[in-house]
Amino acid sequence: MGEGEWEARAKGELGIIAFLEGDSRRAAAMLGDALLSATASGDVGGQVRSLEMLGNGFKEAKKIWEALAFFERAIKVSSATPDAGFPFMAFEGESEALVGQGKVSEAKDKLEQAFTKSQRKSKRSVMKP
């Protein structure tokens, strides 16, 4: 179709299927390629989605430090772009990873921050004409 951003996003989604089929190496490569493409084209939504999914993959593989780095980057990228959607999956994944490390209080704080930020963002979008 000649729409590179959508093609890159579709390949990233196919990477998720590869992960579910047990091919984590192929999944990481496909999602990594989708992330690089989204970054190069300025597709912030694609970047956030790829970062969140990479974080989830690392979390499932019990590589918590790597997972946290991807979730934090997704939150940072989204926060730096006023029109970007809210990275719910990144906050959820980050909190789950922290609980897995026994850091329940820190996870709770992250979820409370997410709730506050999402409410603020929602209020701004409602006020726009």
Protein backbone atom coordinates (compact mmCIF):
# COMPACT_ATOMS: atom_id res chain seq x y z
CA MET A 1 0.00 0.00 0.00
CA GLY A 2 3.03 2.24 0.20
CA GLU A 3 2.42 3.29 3.80
CA GLY A 4 5.66 2.56 5.62
CA GLU A 5 4.46 3.41 9.12
CA TRP A 6 1.54 0.97 8.89
CA GLU A 7 3.74 -1.70 7.36
CA ALA A 8 6.23 -1.35 10.23
CA ARG A 9 3.44 -1.52 12.80
CA ALA A 10 2.04 -4.65 11.13
CA LYS A 11 5.46 -6.31 11.25
CA GLY A 12 5.66 -5.48 14.94
CA GLU A 13 2.29 -7.13 15.51
CA LEU A 14 3.54 -10.20 13.62
CA GLY A 15 6.46 -10.17 16.06
CA ILE A 16 3.96 -10.52 18.89
CA ILE A 17 2.51 -13.58 17.19
CA ALA A 18 6.02 -15.01 16.80
CA PHE A 19 6.54 -14.56 20.55
CA LEU A 20 3.25 -16.32 21.32
CA GLU A 21 4.36 -19.17 19.07
CA GLY A 22 7.56 -19.51 21.12
CA ASP A 23 10.00 -17.86 18.68
CA SER A 24 11.33 -15.16 20.98
CA ARG A 25 14.40 -14.46 18.83
CA ARG A 26 12.29 -13.72 15.75
CA ALA A 27 9.82 -11.74 17.84
CA ALA A 28 12.56 -9.53 19.27
CA ALA A 29 13.98 -8.91 15.80
CA MET A 30 10.59 -7.99 14.32
CA LEU A 31 9.63 -5.71 17.19
CA GLY A 32 13.11 -4.19 17.19
CA ASP A 33 12.79 -3.45 13.47
CA ALA A 34 9.34 -1.94 14.05
CA LEU A 35 10.78 0.26 16.79
CA LEU A 36 13.66 1.44 14.60
CA SER A 37 11.29 2.19 11.74
CA ALA A 38 8.87 4.07 14.00
CA THR A 39 11.72 6.09 15.47
CA ALA A 40 13.13 6.95 12.04
CA SER A 41 9.73 8.06 10.71
CA GLY A 42 8.69 9.96 13.86
CA ASP A 43 5.76 7.60 14.53
CA VAL A 44 5.48 8.16 18.29
CA GLY A 45 2.50 5.83 18.66
CA GLY A 46 4.42 3.06 16.93
CA GLN A 47 7.44 3.70 19.14
CA VAL A 48 5.39 3.50 22.32
CA ARG A 49 3.60 0.34 21.19
CA SER A 50 6.87 -1.38 20.25
CA LEU A 51 8.56 -0.34 23.50
CA GLU A 52 5.61 -1.57 25.56
CA MET A 53 5.55 -4.91 23.77
CA LEU A 54 9.31 -5.39 24.04
CA GLY A 55 9.00 -4.62 27.74
CA ASN A 56 6.25 -7.22 28.10
CA GLY A 57 8.36 -9.80 26.30
CA PHE A 58 11.33 -9.21 28.58
CA LYS A 59 9.03 -9.27 31.62
CA GLU A 60 7.64 -12.66 30.54
CA ALA A 61 11.21 -13.90 30.06
CA LYS A 62 11.96 -12.78 33.65
CA LYS A 63 14.48 -10.17 32.44
CA ILE A 64 13.07 -7.51 34.71
CA TRP A 65 15.80 -4.87 34.37
CA GLU A 66 15.50 -4.92 30.58
CA ALA A 67 11.70 -4.83 30.81
CA LEU A 68 11.77 -1.83 33.13
CA ALA A 69 14.09 0.05 30.74
CA PHE A 70 11.63 -0.45 27.85
CA PHE A 71 8.62 0.56 29.95
CA GLU A 72 10.37 3.67 31.25
CA ARG A 73 11.39 4.67 27.72
CA ALA A 74 7.79 4.21 26.47
CA ILE A 75 6.54 6.48 29.25
CA LYS A 76 9.24 9.05 28.51
CA VAL A 77 8.55 9.10 24.76
CA SER A 78 4.81 9.40 25.32
CA SER A 79 5.22 12.13 27.94
CA ALA A 80 7.40 14.18 25.61
CA THR A 81 4.68 14.23 22.94
CA PRO A 82 1.56 16.19 23.96
CA ASP A 83 -0.78 14.50 21.46
CA ALA A 84 0.44 10.96 22.16
CA GLY A 85 -1.92 8.53 23.76
CA PHE A 86 -1.46 7.48 27.36
CA PRO A 87 0.94 4.53 27.79
CA PHE A 88 -1.31 2.40 29.99
CA MET A 89 0.46 -0.82 29.06
CA ALA A 90 3.85 0.64 30.02
CA PHE A 91 2.64 1.68 33.48
CA GLU A 92 0.90 -1.65 33.98
CA GLY A 93 3.93 -3.64 32.85
CA GLU A 94 6.30 -1.56 34.95
CA SER A 95 4.12 -2.10 38.02
CA GLU A 96 3.87 -5.85 37.41
CA ALA A 97 7.65 -6.07 37.01
CA LEU A 98 8.15 -4.21 40.29
CA VAL A 99 5.71 -6.53 42.09
CA GLY A 100 7.69 -9.47 40.69
CA GLN A 101 10.75 -8.02 42.39
CA GLY A 102 8.87 -7.69 45.69
CA LYS A 103 8.65 -3.90 45.36
CA VAL A 104 4.91 -3.69 45.99
CA SER A 105 4.98 -0.21 47.50
CA GLU A 106 6.94 1.18 44.54
CA ALA A 107 4.52 -0.54 42.13
CA LYS A 108 1.57 1.02 43.93
CA ASP A 109 3.20 4.46 43.68
CA LYS A 110 3.70 3.97 39.92
CA LEU A 111 0.04 3.06 39.45
CA GLU A 112 -1.07 6.08 41.47
CA GLN A 113 1.16 8.30 39.29
CA ALA A 114 -0.36 6.72 36.19
CA PHE A 115 -3.87 7.34 37.47
CA THR A 116 -3.11 10.99 38.22
CA LYS A 117 -1.39 11.56 34.86
CA SER A 118 -4.16 9.85 32.90
CA GLN A 119 -6.80 11.97 34.63
CA ARG A 120 -4.86 15.16 33.84
CA LYS A 121 -4.43 14.16 30.22
CA SER A 122 -8.11 13.31 29.91
CA LYS A 123 -9.14 16.68 31.32
CA ARG A 124 -6.99 18.51 28.78
CA SER A 125 -8.43 16.59 25.86
CA VAL A 126 -12.00 17.25 27.01
CA MET A 127 -11.32 20.99 27.18
CA LYS A 128 -10.06 21.20 23.59
CA PRO A 129 -12.60 22.64 21.12
